[in-house]
Amino acid sequence: MITPVPPGTPYHQLARPTSRRRTLLAVLGVLLSTVTVPMSVTAAMRWLPTDGLPLLGPARVELLVSVAAIGCILPAVLVIARFVQGRPLGTLSSVTGRIRWGWLALCVGVAAVTALCLLVVVPIAVAVLTRGPATDSGQQTVAAPSLEDVARYLVTLALLLCLGVWQVAAEEYTTRGFLLQAVTRLAGRSPWPGIIAQAIVFTALHRHLGWGTLAVAVMAGWLGWLTVRTGGIEAALAYHLVQNGFAALVAAAMPTGPDANAAGAGLPGALAMVGAVTAYALLIRWLAPLCRLARTAPGGTAPGGPPPAPVTVAPLGTAGPGLG
């Protein structure tokens, strides 16, 4: 049954107003899924033949398995949202009940430019400017990559990008989607408890301790704030997709294991990450009003007119009103 959403409802209040006990049960179920589902998938993968992908090597296969394992959280979250909370899945995407593809594409473009400038160009420029003069004794000859190396890189990159979209969707719908809304439902009307809670869980999913962990926490906070301010998950999805895409370009070329993620960055990398996500958040905050982006469920009361009927939110992925 489709649940009516009152017009004017902001994104962080879209969780169906069920009992606190049922909402708490749903939150606990999702938190448990973030631990048990990846562990179960990883354990199951160990029963597969170890020589199934000899081209990639064991370290890259382990990295791919870890990415796929995190992606498997998504079905569990959607099942809990639909059957425990009894809500349309589209309410996890935006106030219009679906992904606003035009807005998502614009956010991807902004994220790509921001990340390219602050995560790629600036670190390279700093490295070039601070490098001392080269000496003959320090010079090394680097062999040209073989066809096997190129093939290994391209296959790994293609798999990382495909599985990475699934992983990003799982992390975003779990944190910026489900947890932000559910914790807001438990705590009251303010979005800040939900923003803080999803940032903590998102950071915990990235295991490492250090400067990179602090940068991931800042990123999670900014993306949670953007989700509330823009009425949907698209801005967070876009930035996360672009950042992971740049990371995949590097990870595919290195025999790294599953612990290679943003939380492992040192201080220079962490500062670049914080600068990039801060610039992105401010740009998106400026662009959203210019695009007349809906921040609340469609409808509202016209001055002097009768209150409108409740708006029906369509399931995830179906067509609906709003910026497409």
Protein backbone atom coordinates (compact mmCIF):
# COMPACT_ATOMS: atom_id res chain seq x y z
CA MET A 1 0.00 0.00 0.00
CA ILE A 2 1.31 3.46 -0.98
CA THR A 3 1.63 5.78 1.99
CA PRO A 4 0.45 9.39 1.54
CA VAL A 5 3.08 11.98 2.38
CA PRO A 6 1.73 15.32 3.59
CA PRO A 7 2.71 18.21 1.29
CA GLY A 8 5.54 20.33 2.65
CA THR A 9 7.23 17.45 4.51
CA PRO A 10 11.04 17.91 4.48
CA TYR A 11 13.34 15.06 3.54
CA HIS A 12 14.52 14.26 7.05
CA GLN A 13 10.92 13.73 8.21
CA LEU A 14 9.84 11.39 5.40
CA ALA A 15 10.09 8.26 7.57
CA ARG A 16 6.62 6.85 8.15
CA PRO A 17 5.29 7.89 11.59
CA THR A 18 5.23 4.37 13.07
CA SER A 19 5.76 3.60 16.75
CA ARG A 20 9.10 4.45 18.31
CA ARG A 21 9.59 0.77 19.13
CA ARG A 22 9.18 -0.25 15.50
CA THR A 23 11.45 2.54 14.30
CA LEU A 24 14.10 1.57 16.84
CA LEU A 25 13.82 -2.06 15.71
CA ALA A 26 14.38 -0.96 12.11
CA VAL A 27 17.45 1.10 13.06
CA LEU A 28 18.94 -1.79 15.02
CA GLY A 29 18.26 -4.11 12.09
CA VAL A 30 20.09 -1.81 9.68
CA LEU A 31 23.04 -1.36 12.04
CA LEU A 32 23.28 -5.12 12.47
CA SER A 33 23.15 -5.56 8.69
CA THR A 34 26.13 -3.23 8.19
CA VAL A 35 28.22 -5.68 10.24
CA THR A 36 26.79 -9.11 9.47
CA VAL A 37 26.08 -8.82 5.74
CA PRO A 38 29.65 -7.86 4.62
CA MET A 39 31.14 -10.49 6.96
CA SER A 40 28.81 -13.18 5.61
CA VAL A 41 29.49 -12.30 1.96
CA THR A 42 33.25 -12.20 2.53
CA ALA A 43 33.15 -15.55 4.30
CA ALA A 44 31.10 -17.08 1.48
CA MET A 45 33.54 -15.76 -1.14
CA ARG A 46 36.39 -17.63 0.54
CA TRP A 47 34.80 -20.90 -0.55
CA LEU A 48 35.21 -19.94 -4.20
CA PRO A 49 38.25 -21.25 -6.13
CA THR A 50 41.28 -19.08 -5.38
CA ASP A 51 42.46 -19.28 -8.99
CA GLY A 52 39.20 -18.04 -10.45
CA LEU A 53 40.70 -14.70 -11.55
CA PRO A 54 44.44 -15.35 -11.97
CA LEU A 55 44.88 -12.22 -14.10
CA LEU A 56 44.03 -9.91 -11.18
CA GLY A 57 45.99 -11.50 -8.37
CA PRO A 58 44.77 -12.29 -4.83
CA ALA A 59 45.08 -8.72 -3.45
CA ARG A 60 42.91 -7.19 -6.17
CA VAL A 61 40.36 -9.99 -5.90
CA GLU A 62 40.18 -9.36 -2.15
CA LEU A 63 39.59 -5.65 -2.80
CA LEU A 64 36.78 -6.40 -5.26
CA VAL A 65 35.17 -8.83 -2.83
CA SER A 66 35.22 -6.22 -0.05
CA VAL A 67 33.53 -3.67 -2.34
CA ALA A 68 30.86 -6.18 -3.38
CA ALA A 69 30.29 -7.20 0.25
CA ILE A 70 29.47 -3.62 1.26
CA GLY A 71 27.11 -3.33 -1.70
CA CYS A 72 25.13 -6.30 -0.39
CA ILE A 73 23.96 -4.14 2.53
CA LEU A 74 21.59 -2.32 0.15
CA PRO A 75 18.99 -5.12 -0.27
CA ALA A 76 18.84 -5.60 3.50
CA VAL A 77 18.21 -1.88 4.07
CA LEU A 78 15.50 -1.75 1.40
CA VAL A 79 13.74 -4.82 2.85
CA ILE A 80 13.79 -3.31 6.36
CA ALA A 81 12.51 0.06 5.13
CA ARG A 82 9.70 -1.53 3.13
CA PHE A 83 8.48 -4.24 5.47
CA VAL A 84 9.51 -3.13 8.98
CA GLN A 85 8.81 0.57 8.53
CA GLY A 86 6.10 -0.04 5.92
CA ARG A 87 7.18 2.86 3.71
CA PRO A 88 7.62 3.45 -0.04
CA LEU A 89 11.26 3.02 -1.01
CA GLY A 90 11.14 6.22 -3.06
CA THR A 91 11.07 8.25 0.15
CA LEU A 92 14.71 7.26 0.68
CA SER A 93 15.67 9.01 -2.57
CA SER A 94 14.11 12.46 -2.37
CA VAL A 95 11.02 14.44 -1.45
CA THR A 96 9.62 13.72 -4.92
CA GLY A 97 9.71 9.96 -4.32
CA ARG A 98 12.42 9.24 -6.87
CA ILE A 99 15.93 10.12 -7.98
CA ARG A 100 15.97 13.50 -9.74
CA TRP A 101 18.28 12.54 -12.60
CA GLY A 102 18.86 16.03 -13.97
CA TRP A 103 19.94 17.31 -10.56
CA LEU A 104 22.13 14.22 -10.05
CA ALA A 105 23.89 14.83 -13.37
CA LEU A 106 24.57 18.47 -12.47
CA CYS A 107 25.96 17.44 -9.08
CA VAL A 108 28.24 14.87 -10.74
CA GLY A 109 29.67 17.61 -12.95
CA VAL A 110 30.30 19.94 -10.01
CA ALA A 111 31.83 17.11 -7.99
CA ALA A 112 34.12 16.11 -10.86
CA VAL A 113 35.50 19.64 -11.27
CA THR A 114 35.91 20.13 -7.52
CA ALA A 115 37.56 16.77 -6.94
CA LEU A 116 39.82 17.14 -9.98
CA CYS A 117 41.09 20.51 -8.74
CA LEU A 118 41.56 19.75 -5.05
CA LEU A 119 42.21 16.00 -4.98
CA VAL A 120 44.37 15.65 -8.10
CA VAL A 121 45.80 18.93 -9.42
CA VAL A 122 46.70 20.53 -6.07
CA PRO A 123 48.56 17.49 -4.61
CA ILE A 124 50.51 17.05 -7.86
CA ALA A 125 51.42 20.74 -7.95
CA VAL A 126 52.57 20.64 -4.32
CA ALA A 127 54.68 17.55 -4.99
CA VAL A 128 56.33 19.17 -8.02
CA LEU A 129 57.02 22.47 -6.24
CA THR A 130 58.46 20.86 -3.11
CA ARG A 131 60.59 18.24 -4.86
CA GLY A 132 64.30 18.90 -4.67
CA PRO A 133 66.67 18.76 -7.67
CA ALA A 134 67.16 15.25 -8.96
CA THR A 135 70.61 13.64 -8.77
CA ASP A 136 72.08 10.94 -10.96
CA SER A 137 72.32 8.53 -8.03
CA GLY A 138 68.62 8.91 -7.29
CA GLN A 139 67.42 8.27 -10.82
CA GLN A 140 65.74 4.97 -11.55
CA THR A 141 64.64 3.43 -14.80
CA VAL A 142 60.97 2.51 -14.89
CA ALA A 143 60.06 -0.33 -17.20
CA ALA A 144 57.21 0.19 -19.63
CA PRO A 145 54.04 -1.70 -18.66
CA SER A 146 53.46 -4.98 -20.46
CA LEU A 147 50.25 -5.95 -22.22
CA GLU A 148 49.39 -8.15 -19.25
CA ASP A 149 49.80 -5.19 -16.88
CA VAL A 150 47.54 -3.02 -19.04
CA ALA A 151 44.93 -5.78 -19.27
CA ARG A 152 45.05 -6.33 -15.49
CA TYR A 153 44.58 -2.61 -14.89
CA LEU A 154 41.65 -2.23 -17.31
CA VAL A 155 39.82 -5.32 -16.02
CA THR A 156 40.31 -4.29 -12.39
CA LEU A 157 39.22 -0.71 -13.13
CA ALA A 158 36.07 -1.84 -14.96
CA LEU A 159 35.09 -4.17 -12.13
CA LEU A 160 35.84 -1.55 -9.47
CA LEU A 161 33.73 1.08 -11.24
CA CYS A 162 30.77 -1.28 -11.70
CA LEU A 163 30.87 -2.66 -8.17
CA GLY A 164 31.68 0.81 -6.84
CA VAL A 165 28.32 2.19 -8.00
CA TRP A 166 26.60 -0.57 -6.02
CA GLN A 167 28.80 0.09 -2.99
CA VAL A 168 28.16 3.84 -3.07
CA ALA A 169 24.40 3.30 -3.39
CA ALA A 170 24.48 0.94 -0.42
CA GLU A 171 26.42 3.36 1.79
CA GLU A 172 24.34 6.39 0.80
CA TYR A 173 20.94 4.77 1.17
CA THR A 174 22.02 3.28 4.49
CA THR A 175 23.44 6.47 6.02
CA ARG A 176 22.19 9.63 4.29
CA GLY A 177 18.92 7.87 3.46
CA PHE A 178 17.59 5.44 6.05
CA LEU A 179 19.55 6.35 9.20
CA LEU A 180 19.23 10.12 8.79
CA GLN A 181 15.45 9.85 8.49
CA ALA A 182 14.95 7.13 11.11
CA VAL A 183 17.08 8.80 13.79
CA THR A 184 15.27 12.09 13.14
CA ARG A 185 12.01 10.22 13.69
CA LEU A 186 13.30 8.93 17.03
CA ALA A 187 14.87 12.18 18.22
CA GLY A 188 12.26 14.74 17.16
CA ARG A 189 11.92 17.24 14.31
CA SER A 190 15.49 18.56 14.12
CA PRO A 191 17.66 16.94 11.42
CA TRP A 192 20.90 17.29 13.40
CA PRO A 193 20.64 14.06 15.43
CA GLY A 194 20.15 12.19 12.17
CA ILE A 195 23.03 14.03 10.46
CA ILE A 196 25.38 13.24 13.35
CA ALA A 197 24.28 9.59 13.61
CA GLN A 198 24.71 8.87 9.92
CA ALA A 199 28.15 10.53 9.96
CA ILE A 200 29.27 8.26 12.80
CA VAL A 201 28.07 5.10 11.04
CA PHE A 202 29.54 6.17 7.69
CA THR A 203 32.91 6.82 9.31
CA ALA A 204 32.80 3.47 11.11
CA LEU A 205 32.32 1.71 7.77
CA HIS A 206 35.77 2.98 6.72
CA ARG A 207 37.69 1.24 9.54
CA HIS A 208 41.05 3.13 9.46
CA LEU A 209 42.14 5.43 12.29
CA GLY A 210 44.05 8.64 11.65
CA TRP A 211 43.78 11.86 9.69
CA GLY A 212 41.84 10.14 6.93
CA THR A 213 39.15 9.10 9.39
CA LEU A 214 38.68 12.73 10.44
CA ALA A 215 38.35 13.74 6.78
CA VAL A 216 35.75 11.02 6.18
CA ALA A 217 33.76 12.24 9.19
CA VAL A 218 33.82 15.82 7.88
CA MET A 219 32.72 14.60 4.46
CA ALA A 220 29.85 12.61 6.00
CA GLY A 221 28.71 15.66 7.94
CA TRP A 222 28.73 17.93 4.88
CA LEU A 223 26.92 15.36 2.72
CA GLY A 224 24.29 14.78 5.41
CA TRP A 225 23.70 18.53 5.65
CA LEU A 226 23.45 18.77 1.85
CA THR A 227 20.92 15.94 1.77
CA VAL A 228 18.64 17.86 4.10
CA ARG A 229 19.20 21.21 2.38
CA THR A 230 18.50 19.85 -1.12
CA GLY A 231 15.64 17.52 -0.22
CA GLY A 232 17.26 14.37 -1.56
CA ILE A 233 20.20 12.04 -1.68
CA GLU A 234 21.46 13.05 -5.15
CA ALA A 235 24.16 15.53 -4.07
CA ALA A 236 25.70 13.00 -1.68
CA LEU A 237 25.50 10.23 -4.26
CA ALA A 238 27.22 12.39 -6.87
CA TYR A 239 30.17 13.39 -4.71
CA HIS A 240 30.66 9.89 -3.35
CA LEU A 241 30.57 8.40 -6.86
CA VAL A 242 33.13 10.87 -8.19
CA GLN A 243 35.50 10.49 -5.25
CA ASN A 244 35.37 6.69 -5.44
CA GLY A 245 35.85 6.89 -9.20
CA PHE A 246 39.11 8.82 -8.78
CA ALA A 247 40.17 6.38 -6.07
CA ALA A 248 39.45 3.44 -8.41
CA LEU A 249 41.82 4.90 -11.03
CA VAL A 250 44.64 4.60 -8.49
CA ALA A 251 43.56 1.42 -6.70
CA ALA A 252 43.30 -0.53 -9.98
CA ALA A 253 46.99 0.11 -10.63
CA MET A 254 48.18 -1.00 -7.19
CA PRO A 255 48.12 -4.47 -5.61
CA THR A 256 46.23 -3.15 -2.60
CA GLY A 257 43.89 -5.02 -0.31
CA PRO A 258 40.44 -4.15 1.01
CA ASP A 259 41.78 -1.63 3.55
CA ALA A 260 42.62 0.84 0.78
CA ASN A 261 40.02 3.59 1.25
CA ALA A 262 39.79 7.28 1.95
CA ALA A 263 40.17 6.80 5.70
CA GLY A 264 43.75 5.66 5.18
CA ALA A 265 44.91 9.03 3.83
CA GLY A 266 47.65 10.97 5.61
CA LEU A 267 47.45 14.60 6.70
CA PRO A 268 48.01 16.18 3.22
CA GLY A 269 45.42 13.88 1.66
CA ALA A 270 42.98 14.50 4.50
CA LEU A 271 43.30 18.28 4.09
CA ALA A 272 42.69 17.94 0.36
CA MET A 273 39.58 15.82 1.04
CA VAL A 274 38.20 18.34 3.54
CA GLY A 275 38.85 21.23 1.17
CA ALA A 276 37.23 19.43 -1.76
CA VAL A 277 34.03 18.42 0.05
CA THR A 278 33.71 21.86 1.68
CA ALA A 279 33.99 23.63 -1.67
CA TYR A 280 31.53 21.17 -3.20
CA ALA A 281 28.99 21.63 -0.40
CA LEU A 282 29.07 25.42 -0.69
CA LEU A 283 28.73 25.30 -4.49
CA ILE A 284 25.78 22.92 -4.34
CA ARG A 285 24.14 25.00 -1.62
CA TRP A 286 24.42 28.01 -3.94
CA LEU A 287 23.18 26.14 -7.02
CA ALA A 288 20.14 24.44 -5.46
CA PRO A 289 17.94 27.59 -5.18
CA LEU A 290 18.94 28.65 -8.71
CA CYS A 291 17.63 25.30 -10.00
CA ARG A 292 14.36 25.77 -8.08
CA LEU A 293 15.00 22.46 -6.38
CA ALA A 294 12.18 21.13 -4.20
CA ARG A 295 13.24 20.78 -0.55
CA THR A 296 9.90 19.48 0.69
CA ALA A 297 7.25 17.08 -0.60
CA PRO A 298 5.34 18.65 -3.53
CA GLY A 299 2.17 20.56 -2.72
CA GLY A 300 1.63 23.18 -0.09
CA THR A 301 -1.22 25.52 0.70
CA ALA A 302 -1.84 28.38 -1.69
CA PRO A 303 -2.50 31.74 -0.02
CA GLY A 304 -6.20 31.93 0.79
CA GLY A 305 -6.88 28.52 -0.73
CA PRO A 306 -7.90 25.17 0.72
CA PRO A 307 -5.26 22.71 1.89
CA PRO A 308 -4.22 20.30 -0.85
CA ALA A 309 -4.68 16.54 -0.76
CA PRO A 310 -1.77 14.41 0.45
CA VAL A 311 0.81 13.61 -2.21
CA THR A 312 1.36 9.94 -3.05
CA VAL A 313 5.03 8.99 -3.13
CA ALA A 314 5.91 6.53 -5.87
CA PRO A 315 8.20 3.55 -5.22
CA LEU A 316 11.94 3.83 -5.87
CA GLY A 317 12.85 4.30 -9.51
CA THR A 318 9.41 5.16 -10.90
CA ALA A 319 8.48 8.38 -12.61
CA GLY A 320 7.08 11.21 -10.59
CA PRO A 321 6.89 14.99 -10.30
CA GLY A 322 9.88 17.19 -9.71
CA LEU A 323 13.14 18.07 -11.41
CA GLY A 324 14.09 15.21 -13.73
